[in-house]
Protein backbone atom coordinates (compact mmCIF):
# COMPACT_ATOMS: atom_id res chain seq x y z
CA MET A 1 3.18 10.23 18.38
CA SER A 2 5.13 7.55 16.50
CA GLN A 3 6.81 8.16 13.15
CA ALA A 4 4.29 5.86 11.44
CA GLN A 5 1.38 7.80 12.92
CA GLY A 6 2.98 11.09 11.87
CA ASN A 7 3.38 9.76 8.33
CA GLN A 8 -0.28 8.70 8.24
CA GLN A 9 -1.37 12.26 9.00
CA GLN A 10 0.54 13.49 5.95
CA ILE A 11 -1.39 11.27 3.52
CA PRO A 12 -3.63 13.31 1.19
CA GLU A 13 -7.36 12.60 1.62
CA GLU A 14 -7.79 11.19 -1.89
CA LEU A 15 -4.89 8.78 -1.38
CA ALA A 16 -6.30 7.69 1.97
CA GLN A 17 -9.72 7.02 0.42
CA CYS A 18 -8.20 5.01 -2.41
CA GLY A 19 -6.08 3.07 0.08
CA ILE A 20 -9.14 2.22 2.17
CA ALA A 21 -10.98 0.95 -0.94
CA VAL A 22 -8.04 -1.24 -1.97
CA GLU A 23 -7.67 -2.59 1.59
CA LYS A 24 -11.39 -3.49 1.67
CA LEU A 25 -11.13 -5.28 -1.66
CA ALA A 26 -8.03 -7.20 -0.56
CA GLU A 27 -9.70 -8.17 2.72
CA GLU A 28 -12.82 -9.37 0.89
CA LEU A 29 -10.74 -11.50 -1.47
CA TYR A 30 -8.82 -12.89 1.52
CA LYS A 31 -12.11 -13.79 3.25
CA GLU A 32 -13.08 -15.65 0.05
CA ASN A 33 -9.97 -17.80 0.64
CA HIS A 34 -7.92 -16.42 -2.24
CA ASN A 35 -4.18 -16.87 -1.79
CA PRO A 36 -2.59 -13.68 -0.32
CA ILE A 37 0.22 -13.85 -2.90
CA SER A 38 -2.33 -14.00 -5.72
CA ILE A 39 -4.23 -11.04 -4.27
CA ALA A 40 -1.09 -8.96 -3.82
CA SER A 41 0.28 -9.90 -7.24
CA ALA A 42 -2.99 -8.94 -8.95
CA LEU A 43 -3.14 -5.62 -7.08
CA LEU A 44 0.49 -4.87 -7.89
CA GLY A 45 0.00 -5.80 -11.54
CA GLY A 46 -3.04 -3.57 -11.77
CA ALA A 47 -1.21 -0.72 -10.09
CA LEU A 48 1.75 -1.07 -12.43
CA GLY A 49 -0.59 -1.10 -15.42
CA LEU A 50 -2.25 2.10 -14.24
CA LEU A 51 1.14 3.73 -13.66
CA ALA A 52 2.31 2.67 -17.13
CA ARG A 53 -0.77 4.29 -18.69
CA THR A 54 -0.31 7.57 -16.80
CA LEU A 55 3.40 8.11 -16.03
CA ASP A 56 6.78 7.91 -17.71
CA ALA A 57 9.25 5.13 -16.89
CA ASP A 58 11.55 7.31 -14.76
CA THR A 59 8.68 8.39 -12.51
CA ILE A 60 7.50 4.79 -12.12
CA LEU A 61 11.04 3.73 -11.20
CA LYS A 62 11.21 6.47 -8.54
CA ILE A 63 7.95 5.18 -7.04
CA LEU A 64 9.25 1.61 -7.05
CA ASP A 65 12.60 2.71 -5.58
CA SER A 66 10.74 4.48 -2.78
CA ALA A 67 8.66 1.36 -2.10
CA ALA A 68 11.77 -0.84 -2.06
CA ALA A 69 13.51 1.57 0.32
CA SER A 70 10.51 1.38 2.66
CA VAL A 71 10.79 -2.42 2.73
CA ARG A 72 14.57 -2.35 3.24
CA SER A 73 14.38 0.17 6.09
CA GLY A 74 11.62 -1.72 7.89
CA ASP A 75 9.16 1.19 7.61
CA LEU A 76 6.64 -0.92 5.70
CA HIS A 77 6.45 -3.62 8.36
CA ARG A 78 6.38 -1.07 11.18
CA SER A 79 3.44 0.73 9.59
CA VAL A 80 1.54 -2.57 9.28
CA GLN A 81 2.26 -3.37 12.94
CA VAL A 82 0.98 0.07 14.03
CA ALA A 83 -2.17 -0.38 11.94
CA GLN A 84 -2.80 -3.81 13.48
CA GLN A 85 -2.50 -2.32 16.98
CA THR A 86 -4.79 0.62 16.23
CA PRO A 87 -8.44 0.05 17.25
CA GLY A 88 -10.73 -0.01 14.23
CA ALA A 89 -7.85 -0.58 11.81
């Protein structure tokens, strides 16, 4: 089992369900020929707004630091590649 697959198994059910819903929405917008940068920017803006309404600044910064570390390490792109190679993904 790859590291990305092992990480996927550790995702709480509620988070996985929310992720699936967001992915479906993004895919639908993409099929409607919306610009991927616009889609991603809107999703990120909405997510940041939700975080700002529910968490303190230090916690938000920890989440963003974790996300940035995932990009820097290559984990983010590896997980996308694994998902693209997985049947039904």
